Amino acid sequence: MDNLVNETAYLNFIAQAILMYGCLALFICGIIGPTPVFLLFSFAGSLTTFLTGLLPQLVAQFSGTDPLATYLILCKLRWFIGIGSATVALHCLGLAALNQYLLTSRDIGRHSWITRRRAVLMSLFVIIFFLGLISPNLVYYTHTKNSINMTQCVIINPTAAIYNTYNGLVIYSLLPIIILSTFSLLTWWNLRNKMVRRAEMERPLTRLVFAQITMVLLASTGYVIRRMYQLYSTNIPNDAFQVAQNNVFNSVFTLI
């Protein structure tokens, strides 16, 4: 019995350490090192995701008080603005990939299809459209007690939980992967056909394209695994040890 209590406490410590130090590192990187490749809207969405998603975790780990478990409005806003801004950032990056494909096209007329004004309007449409799809989070996220009497910020409505999971799989995982992969490969193909066939130029370009695809694929895969596991474990009663295991699991995939 003592061993189980010690293991539970150790797992809870690991979960807190992962979030505290991992989130701090990601937060600092997000503030200091924005890449110039991202559109302004994509960077703003990424920065908002850091602020709404990682900052509350840092406050909770350093202060010992979880603001999401204390204030219901922060609970709702975290899962509305946080997920919404991350989704907008990914799709604005997809728009940037589309624009690069058009700029590298052999058809000169396509180079001017996306003007600055159109880019702003398209980005605003992405914001309004995807925030609308995520707006049920403002209603259904609420506070509840888990098996060890800890307050959690979760969806307890089964229908809303299923919608939230599969909606996230589509708009945060499948669509960004398909869009970014497609236009990155098309851009690579355009550039490959335009330039002189030199291996020293092709290899860095190929690595850049596939590194970009891999980055989004890894982030989306982590989200998919986390959401599917949460959906699976929602209605399963957990003891203190299982809750501690879930905390470690969620901490790892939150950072991914």
Protein backbone atom coordinates (compact mmCIF):
# COMPACT_ATOMS: atom_id res chain seq x y z
CA MET A 1 0.00 0.00 0.00
CA ASP A 2 2.85 2.36 0.88
CA ASN A 3 4.54 1.58 -2.44
CA LEU A 4 1.37 2.49 -4.36
CA VAL A 5 1.07 5.80 -2.48
CA ASN A 6 4.72 6.58 -3.17
CA GLU A 7 4.37 5.73 -6.87
CA THR A 8 1.25 7.89 -7.12
CA ALA A 9 3.02 10.84 -5.51
CA TYR A 10 6.03 10.30 -7.78
CA LEU A 11 3.87 10.27 -10.94
CA ASN A 12 2.13 13.48 -9.84
CA PHE A 13 5.55 15.06 -9.29
CA ILE A 14 6.66 13.98 -12.79
CA ALA A 15 3.50 15.45 -14.35
CA GLN A 16 4.07 18.77 -12.58
CA ALA A 17 7.74 18.85 -13.53
CA ILE A 18 6.99 18.13 -17.20
CA LEU A 19 4.47 20.96 -17.41
CA MET A 20 6.47 23.43 -15.32
CA TYR A 21 9.80 23.17 -17.14
CA GLY A 22 8.49 22.14 -20.55
CA CYS A 23 5.90 24.91 -20.69
CA LEU A 24 8.44 27.47 -19.52
CA ALA A 25 10.84 26.49 -22.30
CA LEU A 26 8.12 26.56 -24.95
CA PHE A 27 6.78 29.89 -23.68
CA ILE A 28 10.19 31.53 -23.86
CA CYS A 29 10.83 30.12 -27.35
CA GLY A 30 7.44 31.32 -28.52
CA ILE A 31 8.12 34.86 -27.30
CA ILE A 32 11.72 35.20 -28.48
CA GLY A 33 11.93 33.15 -31.65
CA PRO A 34 9.04 33.70 -34.06
CA THR A 35 10.05 32.55 -37.53
CA PRO A 36 9.64 35.08 -40.35
CA VAL A 37 8.04 32.39 -42.52
CA PHE A 38 4.74 32.58 -40.65
CA LEU A 39 2.11 35.08 -41.63
CA LEU A 40 1.31 37.77 -39.09
CA PHE A 41 -2.00 36.10 -38.28
CA SER A 42 -0.32 32.74 -37.82
CA PHE A 43 2.23 34.21 -35.44
CA ALA A 44 -0.48 36.05 -33.50
CA GLY A 45 -2.45 32.81 -33.22
CA SER A 46 0.63 30.89 -32.08
CA LEU A 47 1.48 33.51 -29.47
CA THR A 48 -2.12 33.52 -28.19
CA THR A 49 -1.94 29.74 -27.88
CA PHE A 50 1.18 30.02 -25.74
CA LEU A 51 -0.42 32.64 -23.52
CA THR A 52 -3.75 30.87 -23.02
CA GLY A 53 -2.45 27.32 -22.91
CA LEU A 54 0.94 27.37 -21.24
CA LEU A 55 0.83 30.44 -19.01
CA PRO A 56 -1.98 29.08 -16.77
CA GLN A 57 -0.01 25.84 -16.40
CA LEU A 58 3.09 27.75 -15.35
CA VAL A 59 1.10 29.81 -12.84
CA ALA A 60 -0.44 26.63 -11.43
CA GLN A 61 2.89 24.84 -11.04
CA PHE A 62 4.82 27.77 -9.55
CA SER A 63 2.05 29.15 -7.31
CA GLY A 64 0.28 25.92 -6.41
CA THR A 65 -3.11 27.36 -7.46
CA ASP A 66 -4.61 26.36 -10.80
CA PRO A 67 -6.42 29.41 -12.25
CA LEU A 68 -8.40 27.18 -14.62
CA ALA A 69 -9.77 25.21 -11.66
CA THR A 70 -10.46 28.38 -9.67
CA TYR A 71 -12.23 30.59 -12.21
CA LEU A 72 -14.81 29.06 -14.54
CA ILE A 73 -14.54 31.90 -17.07
CA LEU A 74 -10.81 31.19 -17.48
CA CYS A 75 -11.61 27.51 -17.92
CA LYS A 76 -14.00 28.30 -20.79
CA LEU A 77 -11.77 30.91 -22.43
CA ARG A 78 -8.71 28.67 -22.29
CA TRP A 79 -10.41 25.95 -24.33
CA PHE A 80 -12.09 28.43 -26.68
CA ILE A 81 -9.35 30.96 -27.37
CA GLY A 82 -6.49 28.50 -26.86
CA ILE A 83 -7.73 25.84 -29.28
CA GLY A 84 -9.19 28.46 -31.62
CA SER A 85 -5.95 30.43 -31.93
CA ALA A 86 -3.91 27.25 -32.49
CA THR A 87 -6.31 26.18 -35.24
CA VAL A 88 -6.19 29.62 -36.86
CA ALA A 89 -2.37 29.59 -36.73
CA LEU A 90 -2.20 26.24 -38.55
CA HIS A 91 -4.65 27.25 -41.27
CA CYS A 92 -2.98 30.63 -41.81
CA LEU A 93 0.24 28.69 -42.29
CA GLY A 94 -1.66 26.65 -44.86
CA LEU A 95 -2.65 29.90 -46.60
CA ALA A 96 1.01 30.88 -46.65
CA ALA A 97 1.83 27.55 -48.30
CA LEU A 98 -0.91 28.20 -50.87
CA ASN A 99 0.54 31.63 -51.60
CA GLN A 100 4.03 30.21 -52.05
CA TYR A 101 2.66 27.65 -54.49
CA LEU A 102 0.99 30.40 -56.53
CA LEU A 103 4.16 32.52 -56.52
CA THR A 104 6.22 29.61 -57.87
CA SER A 105 3.69 28.67 -60.55
CA ARG A 106 4.65 28.88 -64.22
CA ASP A 107 1.46 30.83 -64.87
CA ILE A 108 2.47 34.45 -64.28
CA GLY A 109 -1.16 35.46 -63.73
CA ARG A 110 -1.34 33.34 -60.58
CA HIS A 111 1.42 35.35 -58.93
CA SER A 112 -0.96 38.21 -58.18
CA TRP A 113 -4.02 36.16 -57.18
CA ILE A 114 -3.50 36.75 -53.46
CA THR A 115 -2.98 40.45 -52.81
CA ARG A 116 -2.33 41.94 -49.39
CA ARG A 117 -6.00 42.92 -49.05
CA ARG A 118 -7.17 39.45 -50.04
CA ALA A 119 -4.72 37.87 -47.62
CA VAL A 120 -6.17 39.93 -44.75
CA LEU A 121 -9.75 39.06 -45.75
CA MET A 122 -8.91 35.36 -46.07
CA SER A 123 -7.23 35.37 -42.66
CA LEU A 124 -10.22 37.12 -41.07
CA PHE A 125 -12.54 34.56 -42.65
CA VAL A 126 -10.42 31.74 -41.21
CA ILE A 127 -10.64 33.34 -37.75
CA ILE A 128 -14.43 33.79 -37.84
CA PHE A 129 -15.14 30.39 -39.39
CA PHE A 130 -13.04 28.24 -37.09
CA LEU A 131 -13.87 30.17 -33.92
CA GLY A 132 -17.51 29.53 -34.81
CA LEU A 133 -16.86 25.79 -34.99
CA ILE A 134 -15.13 25.86 -31.61
CA SER A 135 -17.67 28.17 -29.90
CA PRO A 136 -19.50 25.25 -28.14
CA ASN A 137 -16.47 25.09 -25.83
CA LEU A 138 -17.72 28.32 -24.23
CA VAL A 139 -20.90 26.53 -23.20
CA TYR A 140 -19.92 22.97 -22.36
CA TYR A 141 -16.56 23.29 -20.60
CA THR A 142 -17.21 23.37 -16.87
CA HIS A 143 -15.77 22.47 -13.48
CA THR A 144 -16.14 18.98 -12.05
CA LYS A 145 -14.49 16.88 -9.34
CA ASN A 146 -12.48 13.80 -10.26
CA SER A 147 -12.07 10.63 -8.20
CA ILE A 148 -9.46 12.22 -5.92
CA ASN A 149 -11.60 15.33 -5.32
CA MET A 150 -9.56 17.63 -7.58
CA THR A 151 -11.36 20.27 -9.64
CA GLN A 152 -10.97 19.77 -13.38
CA CYS A 153 -11.88 21.88 -16.40
CA VAL A 154 -13.57 19.39 -18.73
CA ILE A 155 -16.64 18.67 -20.84
CA ILE A 156 -19.06 16.40 -19.00
CA ASN A 157 -21.81 16.35 -21.63
CA PRO A 158 -21.21 13.12 -23.65
CA THR A 159 -22.54 14.52 -26.94
CA ALA A 160 -20.50 17.70 -26.63
CA ALA A 161 -17.40 15.67 -25.74
CA ILE A 162 -17.76 13.54 -28.87
CA TYR A 163 -18.34 16.64 -31.05
CA ASN A 164 -15.32 18.39 -29.53
CA THR A 165 -13.07 15.39 -30.13
CA TYR A 166 -14.00 14.69 -33.74
CA ASN A 167 -14.26 18.38 -34.61
CA GLY A 168 -10.70 18.79 -33.34
CA LEU A 169 -9.52 15.77 -35.31
CA VAL A 170 -10.81 17.30 -38.53
CA ILE A 171 -10.00 21.01 -38.22
CA TYR A 172 -6.83 20.75 -36.11
CA SER A 173 -5.32 17.58 -37.56
CA LEU A 174 -6.61 16.27 -40.89
CA LEU A 175 -7.21 19.55 -42.73
CA PRO A 176 -3.88 21.23 -41.79
CA ILE A 177 -1.94 18.09 -42.68
CA ILE A 178 -3.66 17.71 -46.06
CA ILE A 179 -3.46 21.41 -46.98
CA LEU A 180 0.12 22.01 -45.87
CA SER A 181 1.43 18.74 -47.29
CA THR A 182 -0.28 19.27 -50.64
CA PHE A 183 0.88 22.83 -51.26
CA SER A 184 4.35 22.24 -49.83
CA LEU A 185 4.88 19.35 -52.24
CA LEU A 186 3.44 21.36 -55.15
CA THR A 187 5.75 24.27 -54.32
CA TRP A 188 8.70 21.89 -54.12
CA TRP A 189 7.74 20.46 -57.51
CA ASN A 190 7.45 23.93 -59.08
CA LEU A 191 10.84 25.00 -57.79
CA ARG A 192 12.42 21.70 -58.73
CA ASN A 193 11.26 22.08 -62.33
CA LYS A 194 12.35 25.72 -62.54
CA MET A 195 15.89 25.51 -61.26
CA VAL A 196 18.88 23.82 -62.80
CA ARG A 197 19.06 20.18 -61.70
CA ARG A 198 21.75 20.54 -59.08
CA ALA A 199 21.87 18.10 -56.18
CA GLU A 200 23.27 20.68 -53.74
CA MET A 201 20.15 22.83 -54.31
CA GLU A 202 17.59 20.04 -54.39
CA ARG A 203 18.62 18.35 -51.16
CA PRO A 204 18.19 21.39 -48.84
CA LEU A 205 14.87 22.24 -50.49
CA THR A 206 13.60 18.69 -50.07
CA ARG A 207 14.66 18.61 -46.44
CA LEU A 208 12.99 21.96 -45.76
CA VAL A 209 9.66 20.86 -47.24
CA PHE A 210 9.55 17.54 -45.46
CA ALA A 211 10.71 19.09 -42.17
CA GLN A 212 7.77 21.50 -42.38
CA ILE A 213 5.33 18.66 -43.05
CA THR A 214 6.82 16.53 -40.26
CA MET A 215 6.53 19.37 -37.74
CA VAL A 216 2.80 19.81 -38.34
CA LEU A 217 2.28 16.05 -38.51
CA LEU A 218 3.90 15.50 -35.11
CA ALA A 219 1.90 18.29 -33.48
CA SER A 220 -1.35 17.01 -34.96
CA THR A 221 -0.58 13.40 -34.03
CA GLY A 222 0.03 14.37 -30.41
CA TYR A 223 -3.28 16.20 -30.32
CA VAL A 224 -5.11 13.24 -31.88
CA ILE A 225 -3.71 10.76 -29.36
CA ARG A 226 -4.50 13.05 -26.44
CA ARG A 227 -8.08 13.73 -27.53
CA MET A 228 -8.84 10.09 -28.30
CA TYR A 229 -7.45 9.00 -24.95
CA GLN A 230 -9.51 11.62 -23.13
CA LEU A 231 -12.65 10.46 -24.95
CA TYR A 232 -11.88 6.84 -24.07
CA SER A 233 -11.18 7.53 -20.39
CA THR A 234 -14.03 9.99 -19.77
CA ASN A 235 -16.53 7.44 -18.48
CA ILE A 236 -14.01 5.08 -16.86
CA PRO A 237 -13.72 5.41 -13.07
CA ASN A 238 -10.14 6.10 -12.05
CA ASP A 239 -8.42 5.76 -8.70
CA ALA A 240 -5.70 8.11 -7.49
CA PHE A 241 -2.92 6.11 -9.17
CA GLN A 242 -4.70 6.08 -12.55
CA VAL A 243 -5.38 9.82 -12.27
CA ALA A 244 -1.66 10.38 -11.68
CA GLN A 245 -0.84 8.27 -14.76
CA ASN A 246 -3.33 10.30 -16.80
CA ASN A 247 -1.68 13.53 -15.62
CA VAL A 248 1.72 12.36 -16.88
CA PHE A 249 0.20 11.28 -20.20
CA ASN A 250 -1.65 14.58 -20.69
CA SER A 251 1.40 16.63 -19.71
CA VAL A 252 3.57 14.98 -22.37
CA PHE A 253 1.05 15.34 -25.18
CA THR A 254 0.11 18.89 -24.15
CA LEU A 255 3.70 19.91 -24.90
CA ILE A 256 3.69 18.03 -28.21
